Amino acid sequence: MTIRVDFHIHTLSTESKDDGFEFSLNWLKKYTQTLKMDAIAITNHNAFDLRQFNQISDALDCIVLPGVELSLANGHVNLVFDNTENNKNC
């Protein structure tokens, strides 16, 4: 059995990282439906927007996980969490 997951979805534009990026919920819906995604993780650069996360979770038919792309001195790491209230209210 294959499970389709994308652990690296950006929804916020971050200065010097992805300037000019504009999030489209319609594009994300089409992306997840076309590729038949089972789950995605919202992993913006050093930020988590609970309101937007909830909007995306409500709109999609797949599992949406909270996360963050944490900047480090020499790179970055994606942190993904279970979709529980404790993990969304940091």
C-alpha atoms as a PDB file:
ATOM      1  CA  MET A   1       0.000   0.000   0.000  1.00  0.00           C
ATOM      2  CA  THR A   2       1.317   3.416  -0.974  1.00  0.00           C
ATOM      3  CA  ILE A   3       0.617   6.495   1.139  1.00  0.00           C
ATOM      4  CA  ARG A   4       1.072   9.866  -0.569  1.00  0.00           C
ATOM      5  CA  VAL A   5       2.381  12.615   1.714  1.00  0.00           C
ATOM      6  CA  ASP A   6       3.993  15.985   1.018  1.00  0.00           C
ATOM      7  CA  PHE A   7       5.856  17.159   4.138  1.00  0.00           C
ATOM      8  CA  HIS A   8       6.927  20.509   2.672  1.00  0.00           C
ATOM      9  CA  ILE A   9       4.029  22.840   1.833  1.00  0.00           C
ATOM     10  CA  HIS A  10       4.514  26.617   2.101  1.00  0.00           C
ATOM     11  CA  THR A  11       1.514  28.900   2.550  1.00  0.00           C
ATOM     12  CA  LEU A  12       3.217  32.104   3.727  1.00  0.00           C
ATOM     13  CA  SER A  13       5.720  34.303   1.902  1.00  0.00           C
ATOM     14  CA  THR A  14       8.891  34.852   3.906  1.00  0.00           C
ATOM     15  CA  GLU A  15      11.337  37.677   3.275  1.00  0.00           C
ATOM     16  CA  SER A  16      14.606  36.512   1.688  1.00  0.00           C
ATOM     17  CA  LYS A  17      13.301  32.934   1.419  1.00  0.00           C
ATOM     18  CA  ASP A  18      10.390  33.046  -1.003  1.00  0.00           C
ATOM     19  CA  ASP A  19       9.624  36.732  -1.606  1.00  0.00           C
ATOM     20  CA  GLY A  20       6.619  37.315  -3.822  1.00  0.00           C
ATOM     21  CA  PHE A  21       5.077  33.896  -3.242  1.00  0.00           C
ATOM     22  CA  GLU A  22       1.280  34.066  -3.138  1.00  0.00           C
ATOM     23  CA  PHE A  23      -0.612  31.187  -1.582  1.00  0.00           C
ATOM     24  CA  SER A  24      -3.654  29.840  -3.425  1.00  0.00           C
ATOM     25  CA  LEU A  25      -6.053  27.545  -1.602  1.00  0.00           C
ATOM     26  CA  ASN A  26      -7.589  26.621  -4.953  1.00  0.00           C
ATOM     27  CA  TRP A  27      -4.177  25.530  -6.270  1.00  0.00           C
ATOM     28  CA  LEU A  28      -3.531  23.484  -3.111  1.00  0.00           C
ATOM     29  CA  LYS A  29      -6.934  21.784  -3.386  1.00  0.00           C
ATOM     30  CA  LYS A  30      -6.252  20.902  -7.021  1.00  0.00           C
ATOM     31  CA  TYR A  31      -2.725  19.693  -6.162  1.00  0.00           C
ATOM     32  CA  THR A  32      -3.894  17.383  -3.377  1.00  0.00           C
ATOM     33  CA  GLN A  33      -6.832  16.046  -5.399  1.00  0.00           C
ATOM     34  CA  THR A  34      -4.898  15.516  -8.635  1.00  0.00           C
ATOM     35  CA  LEU A  35      -2.074  13.663  -6.882  1.00  0.00           C
ATOM     36  CA  LYS A  36      -4.503  11.878  -4.545  1.00  0.00           C
ATOM     37  CA  MET A  37      -2.558  12.988  -1.484  1.00  0.00           C
ATOM     38  CA  ASP A  38      -3.341  11.214   1.774  1.00  0.00           C
ATOM     39  CA  ALA A  39      -1.710  13.946   3.856  1.00  0.00           C
ATOM     40  CA  ILE A  40       0.271  17.165   3.686  1.00  0.00           C
ATOM     41  CA  ALA A  41       2.227  19.170   6.243  1.00  0.00           C
ATOM     42  CA  ILE A  42       2.181  22.971   6.336  1.00  0.00           C
ATOM     43  CA  THR A  43       5.838  23.885   6.980  1.00  0.00           C
ATOM     44  CA  ASN A  44       6.387  27.611   6.536  1.00  0.00           C
ATOM     45  CA  HIS A  45       9.708  29.260   7.334  1.00  0.00           C
ATOM     46  CA  ASN A  46       9.897  29.863  11.109  1.00  0.00           C
ATOM     47  CA  ALA A  47       6.153  30.562  11.336  1.00  0.00           C
ATOM     48  CA  PHE A  48       2.835  28.897  12.048  1.00  0.00           C
ATOM     49  CA  ASP A  49      -0.503  30.589  11.318  1.00  0.00           C
ATOM     50  CA  LEU A  50      -3.267  28.745  13.202  1.00  0.00           C
ATOM     51  CA  ARG A  51      -6.118  30.603  11.475  1.00  0.00           C
ATOM     52  CA  GLN A  52      -4.778  29.773   8.021  1.00  0.00           C
ATOM     53  CA  PHE A  53      -3.962  26.195   9.060  1.00  0.00           C
ATOM     54  CA  ASN A  54      -7.561  25.654  10.203  1.00  0.00           C
ATOM     55  CA  GLN A  55      -8.897  27.169   6.967  1.00  0.00           C
ATOM     56  CA  ILE A  56      -6.746  24.784   4.919  1.00  0.00           C
ATOM     57  CA  SER A  57      -7.657  21.774   7.088  1.00  0.00           C
ATOM     58  CA  ASP A  58     -11.354  22.504   6.673  1.00  0.00           C
ATOM     59  CA  ALA A  59     -11.062  22.911   2.893  1.00  0.00           C
ATOM     60  CA  LEU A  60      -9.064  19.782   2.017  1.00  0.00           C
ATOM     61  CA  ASP A  61     -10.097  16.144   1.858  1.00  0.00           C
ATOM     62  CA  CYS A  62      -6.709  14.886   3.071  1.00  0.00           C
ATOM     63  CA  ILE A  63      -5.032  14.986   6.472  1.00  0.00           C
ATOM     64  CA  VAL A  64      -3.290  18.303   7.165  1.00  0.00           C
ATOM     65  CA  LEU A  65      -0.458  18.269   9.707  1.00  0.00           C
ATOM     66  CA  PRO A  66       1.020  21.296  11.491  1.00  0.00           C
ATOM     67  CA  GLY A  67       4.719  21.977  11.160  1.00  0.00           C
ATOM     68  CA  VAL A  68       7.455  24.519  10.639  1.00  0.00           C
ATOM     69  CA  GLU A  69      10.573  24.786   8.502  1.00  0.00           C
ATOM     70  CA  LEU A  70      13.078  25.862  11.147  1.00  0.00           C
ATOM     71  CA  SER A  71      16.073  27.869   9.959  1.00  0.00           C
ATOM     72  CA  LEU A  72      19.454  26.778  11.308  1.00  0.00           C
ATOM     73  CA  ALA A  73      22.891  28.350  10.991  1.00  0.00           C
ATOM     74  CA  ASN A  74      23.766  26.188   7.969  1.00  0.00           C
ATOM     75  CA  GLY A  75      20.443  25.061   6.540  1.00  0.00           C
ATOM     76  CA  HIS A  76      17.024  24.105   7.800  1.00  0.00           C
ATOM     77  CA  VAL A  77      14.947  21.230   9.143  1.00  0.00           C
ATOM     78  CA  ASN A  78      11.246  20.483   8.693  1.00  0.00           C
ATOM     79  CA  LEU A  79       9.424  19.651  11.915  1.00  0.00           C
ATOM     80  CA  VAL A  80       6.023  17.980  11.540  1.00  0.00           C
ATOM     81  CA  PHE A  81       3.639  17.264  14.399  1.00  0.00           C
ATOM     82  CA  ASP A  82       0.486  15.276  15.102  1.00  0.00           C
ATOM     83  CA  ASN A  83      -2.660  17.262  14.437  1.00  0.00           C
ATOM     84  CA  THR A  84      -3.641  17.814  18.087  1.00  0.00           C
ATOM     85  CA  GLU A  85      -4.632  21.003  19.914  1.00  0.00           C
ATOM     86  CA  ASN A  86      -1.431  20.918  22.015  1.00  0.00           C
ATOM     87  CA  ASN A  87       0.721  20.925  18.886  1.00  0.00           C
ATOM     88  CA  LYS A  88      -1.182  23.781  17.207  1.00  0.00           C
ATOM     89  CA  ASN A  89      -1.221  26.168  20.173  1.00  0.00           C
ATOM     90  CA  CYS A  90       2.487  26.758  20.668  1.00  0.00           C
END
